[in-house]
Amino acid sequence: MVMDQQNRQACRADPDPCERLKELMYVSNIVANQVAVCMAMVGRSPRESRNRYDPESPSLGRNNPLPWVASGYVLVPAETLQRIVSTLANKNDEIHNFIDMLNHTIKNVQVNSSNAISELDEEFDGLYSILDEMKGSMANTIQQEEARKIQALQDQLSQCSNALESSEELLELAAQSLDIKDPVEFLKAARQIKDRVTMASAFRISLKPKVSDSMTHLMVDFTLERRMLQAVKFLPVPKAPEIDLTACLVADNCITVSWRMPEEDSRIDHFVLEYRKTNFDGLPRVKDEQRWELIDYIKATEYTLSGLKFDTKYMNLRVQACNKAVAGEYSDPVTLETKAFVFSLDSTSSHLNLKVEGTYVEWDPAGGKGQEKIKEKENKSSGQNPLLKSNRRSGAPSPKRTSISTRSSVRGSRDHFTGESYTVLGDTAVESGQHYWEVRAQKDCKSYSVGVTYRNLGKFDQLGKTSSSWCIHINNWLQTTFSAKHNNKTKTLEIPVPDRIGVYCDFDGGQLAFYNANSKELLHTFRTKFTQPLLPGFMIWCGGLTVSTGLQVPSAVKTLQKSENGLSGSTSSLNNIA
């Protein structure tokens, strides 16, 4: 009470301290509430949590009901504070993720800097190598020119020396002829000298050098090149492209990505597209992410990724532009939804004669012998009814007697299919929406069925022979038969059997359609109202089946379904049987 009076007097004297005091008390109350919630979360009793703060407080007394945490000023629900704690925890997770990304970026900066220096050394070493090679080549040219000129001058010098020697001999002979006294002999000698002079090489050689001593034609001037080298700088890095989300398209298990440059850049040589699968919607994470897949040397500003399997919820994509020597920064990554139906085959309930691996199932005639021996021993030790044991050995018990006891809606808790029900189911149910998957049979497959069923399919039941299963059946014994089955009724399909069958299930629309997966030709359609979740179902005898999941509903199938919904064809004889 004394403190309250003092506080009120302080408030009257100075309104600012009063407001500050209120703010401090308000903050302290919130902190106290959060601490109380935290103590409750770590195992303190509500009484301990309340009495620790103010046992005498009316708002925190022994009769204060939970889940409320009270204080002198505010009354805050524990659920609200728990949501705050949850929000803070999520924010902490985001911050941790961002810290991991920053550390990863720091490492990348160090690695990329080292790589840049290495590439710089390689570029300069390459430039030095080119200069050394050019220097050697040009020096060799000068030396060859020198040798050529010297050889030409030496040849000319040799010719002149020979001519001079011949001329000196002729001159000496002429001088001797001058001393001849006999006119006849003198005239004869004069004629000989005249003939030799006419033919003398000294009068036929050129007294001008064949080549000059100048080498200026082999001089170089690197002024321009020196300026160019001095002007060498780091290449301008291409700017990051901008992905146009409005132009991106996800359809038919293909992703079309479109982007543009923020400004025109004629030096762009090509683009690099990277993508990776993820289950996180938002910024890419460093941990728990798959590696980036790369598509290089894209010349256009649009690219289509085709033949994808959509086995994750989203796809991260980013693009970078490259010129002749350097790649630019990546664009801001975008996240596109890649929703598709993904499932595996459930080996925990498949027939023992079926070998199941992921989405592949194969007939194994020896697969169940070991298990049957074990079961026979268990039956003997448990004193099972002999009639039931004989029925199991014969493999032909009554489905009606066993269907109720053996059906289960929980994966992993149901019994293996047995008898002639060589069945395996998918491990994921269809509960809403439109879905699509494909099945390819081996060429030597003798008999198989493809369809859907409710979870209550008995272990002796076969696809298409119950009111809760729909399928098409292919029999390749002797001659091929192709039929649609439901509720133990059969309709023969007078069309060729495709090597790949597409299954389209519209749960909400009550349609199950089968297509030629290659040509998208409609094979058969069931129309009904599905009242329970559906499991993909497969039966096989002799051979193997490969199931392709993670597929979107093809655009062609969507178009055909729209037109099919507006028509009532001959395929409806089994469609309305529920």
Foldseek 3Di string as FASTA:
>chain_A
DVVVVVLVVVCVVPVVVNVVVVVVVVVVQVVLQLVLLVVVVVPDDLLCSLVVPPQPDPCSHPPNDPPWDDDPPDIDHSVVSVVVVVVVVVVVVVVVQVVVVVVVVVVVVVVVVVVVVVVVVVVVVVVVVVVVVVVVVLVVVLVVVVVVLVVQQVVLVVLQVVLVVLVVVLVVLLVVLVPDPDPVVSVVSVVVSVVCVVVRCNVVGDPDRPDDPDPVVSDDDCPVVVVVVVPDDDDDAFAAWAWDPVPWDDAFQKIKTAIGGPDDDPQFQFKKKWKFADQDADADGDPPGDDIDIDDGHRDRMDMDPPHFQPHQKMKMWMWTDGPPDIHDIYRIHIDTQDADDWFWQPLAAEQQWDGDGQKIAGHPPRCPVVVVVVVVVCVVVVHDVVVVVCQVVLDDDCVVQLVVQFDQDRNPGHHQTRQARKIWIPDWADAAKHKKKKAWDPFFAKKKWWKFFRSAGSPDHAQCQQGHWIWMWGPPPHIWIWIGHVRDIDTFPDDDARMKMWMDHQCQQKIWIANVVVRHTRAMAGEHDDHIMIIMMHTDHGMMGMRTSTDDHPSNVVVVVVVVVDDDPRHPRRYRD
